[in-house]
Each structure stands twice: as C-alpha cells, then as structure tokens.
C-alpha cells in the first residue's frame, strides 16, 4: 500500500531579531537610498546591516541606550541628518535627506537654489553669508488663505547657499495665478538663536527650479536667488 511522503526536507531559514530599521529617502523623489550612505546609532553597540531591500537594520540590542541616529550621505548631493532618540519611531524610522544645490534636479521638479546673506551689498562677492540656517518653502493653497509647509527643510552651507523644493501629494491643490505660477514664501530660521523670519509672497514656476526674482551674479554666471536676512519679515 502506497502512502504520501515529502519530496523535500523542510528548510529552516535564519532568524534575526531586528530591533528597528531606518529607511533613508531622497527628499526630492522619495526614492530609497543605501549605496554611499553611512548610518550610525549613537549609544548602540553595533553598526546597522543593510538588508536586501536597502533598509538599515539593527539586530537585537538594548533600545534604551539609543541617543541619536546620524545619516552621512558622503559625496551624494544631500545634507547630513541627525535624529535624536526622542524623535525615533519604532520599529521603522524614515529619514528624508534634503538636497544640496549640487543635486541633479530633473525637468518637472519645482523649487529654487538660492543664497542667504546678512545684507545686500554693492559687491556681491563680499556679502556675508548666513550659515547653518534652516530654510523651507511655504505654498499657498487653492483657497487663497491656507499656507502649507514643504515637507523637507534644508540648511544653508558655509557660503549661505541652499536648495529648497516643493513636493505635492495627490490631494494637494495649490493656488495658481493667471500664468499657472505658484504663490510661495521662504521661511528661514537661525539654528543658533531660533529666530525665524520670512519673505513676502513671490511667484514660482511649476516644473522649474529657481528662475523667479533672480539676481545675475558678476561675470555672467548663471542667475541665482539671493535673499538678505535684514530684508526678511517676522
């Protein structure tokens, strides 16, 4: 009498006790980043492993020892990012990296690359930059009243340069003028003091990166947006 029997032996895979994982995202496209990115968790014993999905994962450790998570993009065109332990979401922390002005912005992206200086001077090459300031775009909704923050804030570098972008969800409906341009504001905050100021309203063309309110640099260089701290408003 015949009876059924298994044609293969059951296989037991490796089991890993994952404490938590970090997903690093391109703040412009929301594509996952792993190659060239270094992620560390201060306070934990080990560095993370990168799994097949591109997540940075920590195996079983004591989560109470976590102090912060740092993300270093290396030579990639993104800003570094630090997340304190109090802001870490378990079991998955998503971290968006803000672009720098070296980012290869593609056609269809909306934003601006600019500079923040203390005050406007006759010779632009001697202007004093505002460094390490947090900058973000705000956009006006279709109701003509509501202002919304762009999802990712950027920071000025040692030259005062920064890149800020707008990214809309399917339910976002921005206010458009007769030419189809967005109405936006720029808000800047000094990290050292927490003082926050901003511009008045200005127009930004959809699908373009920074060609409104331009100032030509000396020597025929490409136009750049230059904002002066002493001209900003509360």
Protein backbone atom coordinates (compact mmCIF):
# COMPACT_ATOMS: atom_id res chain seq x y z
CA UNK A 1 0.00 0.00 0.00
CA UNK A 2 1.43 3.32 -1.04
CA UNK A 3 1.35 6.42 1.11
CA UNK A 4 2.32 10.05 0.50
CA UNK A 5 5.77 11.23 1.55
CA UNK A 6 7.59 14.58 1.34
CA UNK A 7 9.76 15.11 -1.72
CA UNK A 8 11.96 17.68 0.02
CA UNK A 9 13.11 18.31 3.52
CA UNK A 10 11.67 21.36 5.26
CA UNK A 11 14.21 24.20 5.33
CA UNK A 12 14.64 26.43 8.32
CA UNK A 13 15.88 29.91 7.42
CA UNK A 14 17.99 32.22 9.50
CA UNK A 15 16.03 34.14 12.09
CA UNK A 16 17.15 37.62 13.03
CA UNK A 17 15.78 39.60 15.94
CA UNK A 18 15.56 43.09 14.44
CA UNK A 19 15.44 45.93 16.95
CA UNK A 20 14.43 48.54 14.40
CA UNK A 21 15.18 49.73 10.88
CA UNK A 22 15.97 53.06 9.22
CA UNK A 23 14.78 53.92 5.73
CA UNK A 24 16.78 56.74 4.12
CA UNK A 25 14.94 58.60 1.38
CA UNK A 26 15.82 61.11 -1.31
CA UNK A 27 13.83 64.15 -0.13
CA UNK A 28 13.04 65.17 -3.70
CA UNK A 29 11.96 61.89 -5.33
CA UNK A 30 11.35 59.75 -2.19
CA UNK A 31 13.50 57.02 -3.69
CA UNK A 32 15.24 54.79 -1.13
CA UNK A 33 18.97 55.45 -0.61
CA UNK A 34 21.56 53.00 0.67
CA UNK A 35 24.67 52.94 -1.54
CA UNK A 36 27.16 55.58 -0.41
CA UNK A 37 25.17 56.39 2.73
CA UNK A 38 26.50 55.80 6.24
CA UNK A 39 24.02 55.39 9.10
CA UNK A 40 25.06 55.19 12.75
CA UNK A 41 23.13 54.90 16.01
CA UNK A 42 24.90 56.61 18.88
CA UNK A 43 24.63 54.59 22.07
CA UNK A 44 24.14 51.19 20.43
CA UNK A 45 26.90 48.60 20.32
CA UNK A 46 26.86 47.70 16.64
CA UNK A 47 26.56 49.40 13.28
CA UNK A 48 23.50 48.55 11.20
CA UNK A 49 23.35 45.97 8.43
CA UNK A 50 21.84 46.78 5.06
CA UNK A 51 19.20 44.25 4.08
CA UNK A 52 18.19 43.24 0.56
CA UNK A 53 15.53 45.98 0.48
CA UNK A 54 18.02 48.73 1.23
CA UNK A 55 16.94 49.26 4.83
CA UNK A 56 19.49 49.81 7.58
CA UNK A 57 18.64 47.33 10.35
CA UNK A 58 19.90 46.78 13.88
CA UNK A 59 19.67 43.34 15.43
CA UNK A 60 18.64 42.69 18.99
CA UNK A 61 20.15 45.30 21.31
CA UNK A 62 19.05 47.48 24.21
CA UNK A 63 16.95 50.27 22.63
CA UNK A 64 17.06 52.33 25.84
CA UNK A 65 20.73 53.08 25.12
CA UNK A 66 19.91 54.85 21.83
CA UNK A 67 20.96 58.52 21.86
CA UNK A 68 20.58 59.56 18.25
CA UNK A 69 20.71 58.40 14.64
CA UNK A 70 23.06 60.11 12.19
CA UNK A 71 22.97 59.85 8.40
CA UNK A 72 26.03 60.86 6.37
CA UNK A 73 25.45 60.92 2.59
CA UNK A 74 29.16 61.04 1.82
CA UNK A 75 29.67 62.53 -1.65
CA UNK A 76 26.00 62.28 -2.58
CA UNK A 77 24.24 65.65 -3.12
CA UNK A 78 22.33 65.64 0.17
CA UNK A 79 22.64 67.22 3.58
CA UNK A 80 23.68 65.25 6.64
CA UNK A 81 20.89 64.50 9.08
CA UNK A 82 20.76 63.78 12.82
CA UNK A 83 17.64 62.47 14.57
CA UNK A 84 17.55 62.50 18.42
CA UNK A 85 16.32 59.37 20.17
CA UNK A 86 13.14 61.12 21.32
CA UNK A 87 12.05 61.50 17.67
CA UNK A 88 12.87 57.96 16.54
CA UNK A 89 9.83 55.91 15.60
CA UNK A 90 9.98 52.20 16.33
CA UNK A 91 10.18 49.82 14.55
CA UNK A 92 10.77 51.86 11.35
CA UNK A 93 12.23 55.35 11.15
CA UNK A 94 12.01 57.13 7.79
CA UNK A 95 14.59 59.86 7.24
CA UNK A 96 14.35 62.21 4.26
CA UNK A 97 17.59 63.86 3.15
CA UNK A 98 17.34 67.41 1.89
CA UNK A 99 19.09 68.16 -1.42
CA UNK A 100 22.03 70.50 -1.87
CA UNK A 101 22.48 72.81 -4.86
CA UNK A 102 24.62 70.06 -6.45
CA UNK A 103 21.55 67.85 -6.74
CA UNK A 104 20.77 66.87 -10.38
CA UNK A 105 17.28 68.35 -10.50
CA UNK A 106 15.26 66.83 -13.31
CA UNK A 107 12.73 68.51 -15.54
CA UNK A 108 9.38 68.77 -13.79
CA UNK A 109 10.78 69.41 -10.31
CA UNK A 110 9.73 72.62 -8.58
CA UNK A 111 11.92 74.61 -6.22
CA UNK A 112 14.81 77.01 -6.04
CA UNK A 113 18.52 77.14 -5.35
CA UNK A 114 19.47 80.34 -3.57
CA UNK A 115 21.72 82.10 -1.13
CA UNK A 116 21.01 83.76 2.21
CA UNK A 117 23.22 86.72 3.16
CA UNK A 118 23.20 89.13 6.09
CA UNK A 119 22.52 92.20 3.96
CA UNK A 120 22.64 93.19 0.34
CA UNK A 121 25.86 94.98 -0.65
CA UNK A 122 27.15 96.63 -3.81
CA UNK A 123 29.80 93.96 -4.40
CA UNK A 124 28.07 90.55 -4.14
CA UNK A 125 31.38 88.73 -3.72
CA UNK A 126 31.94 90.35 -0.30
CA UNK A 127 28.46 89.68 1.07
CA UNK A 128 28.45 87.92 4.46
CA UNK A 129 26.60 84.60 4.25
CA UNK A 130 24.11 83.36 6.83
CA UNK A 131 25.35 79.86 7.61
CA UNK A 132 23.56 76.84 9.08
CA UNK A 133 20.11 78.41 8.86
CA UNK A 134 17.07 76.18 8.37
CA UNK A 135 15.12 77.19 5.26
CA UNK A 136 11.82 75.96 3.91
CA UNK A 137 9.26 76.95 1.26
CA UNK A 138 5.61 77.56 2.05
CA UNK A 139 2.95 77.34 -0.65
CA UNK A 140 -0.49 78.92 -0.85
CA UNK A 141 -3.45 76.57 -1.16
CA UNK A 142 -6.25 76.98 -3.70
CA UNK A 143 -8.49 78.66 -1.12
CA UNK A 144 -6.15 81.67 -1.24
CA UNK A 145 -5.80 81.66 2.57
CA UNK A 146 -4.10 78.49 3.80
CA UNK A 147 -0.30 78.25 3.79
CA UNK A 148 1.37 74.83 3.77
CA UNK A 149 4.95 73.86 4.63
CA UNK A 150 7.06 71.99 2.12
CA UNK A 151 7.73 68.54 3.62
CA UNK A 152 11.53 68.87 3.77
CA UNK A 153 13.58 71.69 5.30
CA UNK A 154 17.11 72.45 4.08
CA UNK A 155 20.07 74.28 5.62
CA UNK A 156 22.43 76.93 4.31
CA UNK A 157 26.04 75.88 3.85
CA UNK A 158 29.26 77.77 4.58
CA UNK A 159 28.53 80.07 1.62
CA UNK A 160 24.89 80.65 2.56
CA UNK A 161 23.72 78.50 -0.35
CA UNK A 162 20.72 76.20 -0.12
CA UNK A 163 18.22 74.23 -2.20
CA UNK A 164 14.53 74.02 -1.29
CA UNK A 165 11.87 72.02 -3.10
CA UNK A 166 8.11 71.59 -3.27
CA UNK A 167 6.55 68.15 -3.40
CA UNK A 168 2.79 67.76 -3.64
CA UNK A 169 0.56 64.84 -2.71
CA UNK A 170 -2.37 63.82 -4.96
CA UNK A 171 -4.78 65.69 -2.66
CA UNK A 172 -2.80 68.96 -2.58
CA UNK A 173 -4.36 71.77 -4.61
CA UNK A 174 -2.08 74.85 -4.80
CA UNK A 175 -3.20 78.32 -5.74
CA UNK A 176 -2.15 79.26 -9.28
CA UNK A 177 -2.04 82.71 -10.86
CA UNK A 178 -3.10 83.56 -14.41
CA UNK A 179 0.22 82.26 -15.74
CA UNK A 180 -0.01 78.99 -13.83
CA UNK A 181 2.64 80.01 -11.30
CA UNK A 182 2.63 79.06 -7.63
CA UNK A 183 2.47 81.62 -4.82
CA UNK A 184 5.17 80.84 -2.26
CA UNK A 185 7.11 82.25 0.67
CA UNK A 186 10.53 81.40 2.04
CA UNK A 187 10.99 81.00 5.81
CA UNK A 188 14.44 80.97 7.39
CA UNK A 189 15.41 80.19 10.97
CA UNK A 190 18.81 80.67 12.56
CA UNK A 191 19.74 77.41 14.23
CA UNK A 192 21.93 79.22 16.79
CA UNK A 193 19.20 81.56 18.07
CA UNK A 194 15.93 80.11 16.80
CA UNK A 195 14.98 83.49 15.29
CA UNK A 196 12.66 82.93 12.32
CA UNK A 197 11.92 85.38 9.51
CA UNK A 198 10.49 85.11 6.01
CA UNK A 199 9.88 86.76 2.67
CA UNK A 200 6.67 88.20 1.35
CA UNK A 201 4.79 86.39 -1.39
CA UNK A 202 6.51 85.67 -4.69
CA UNK A 203 5.81 83.51 -7.72
CA UNK A 204 7.49 80.24 -8.57
CA UNK A 205 7.02 78.48 -11.87
CA UNK A 206 5.84 74.87 -11.68
CA UNK A 207 8.24 72.28 -13.01
CA UNK A 208 11.24 74.61 -12.85
CA UNK A 209 14.00 75.11 -10.31
CA UNK A 210 14.59 78.73 -9.37
CA UNK A 211 14.15 81.31 -12.09
CA UNK A 212 11.90 83.86 -10.34
CA UNK A 213 13.23 87.01 -8.63
CA UNK A 214 16.70 86.26 -10.00
CA UNK A 215 19.85 88.27 -9.48
CA UNK A 216 22.64 87.93 -12.03
CA UNK A 217 25.99 87.29 -10.40
CA UNK A 218 29.04 89.19 -11.56
CA UNK A 219 30.87 87.81 -14.59
CA UNK A 220 27.82 86.45 -16.36
CA UNK A 221 27.37 83.48 -14.04
CA UNK A 222 24.00 81.66 -14.05
CA UNK A 223 21.25 83.53 -12.18
CA UNK A 224 20.77 82.74 -8.51
CA UNK A 225 18.20 83.74 -5.95
CA UNK A 226 19.72 85.90 -3.23
CA UNK A 227 17.83 86.69 -0.03
CA UNK A 228 19.05 89.17 2.61
CA UNK A 229 18.34 88.46 6.28
CA UNK A 230 17.82 92.16 7.10
CA UNK A 231 15.08 92.35 4.44
CA UNK A 232 13.08 89.41 5.80
CA UNK A 233 9.91 89.85 7.85
CA UNK A 234 8.55 88.26 11.06
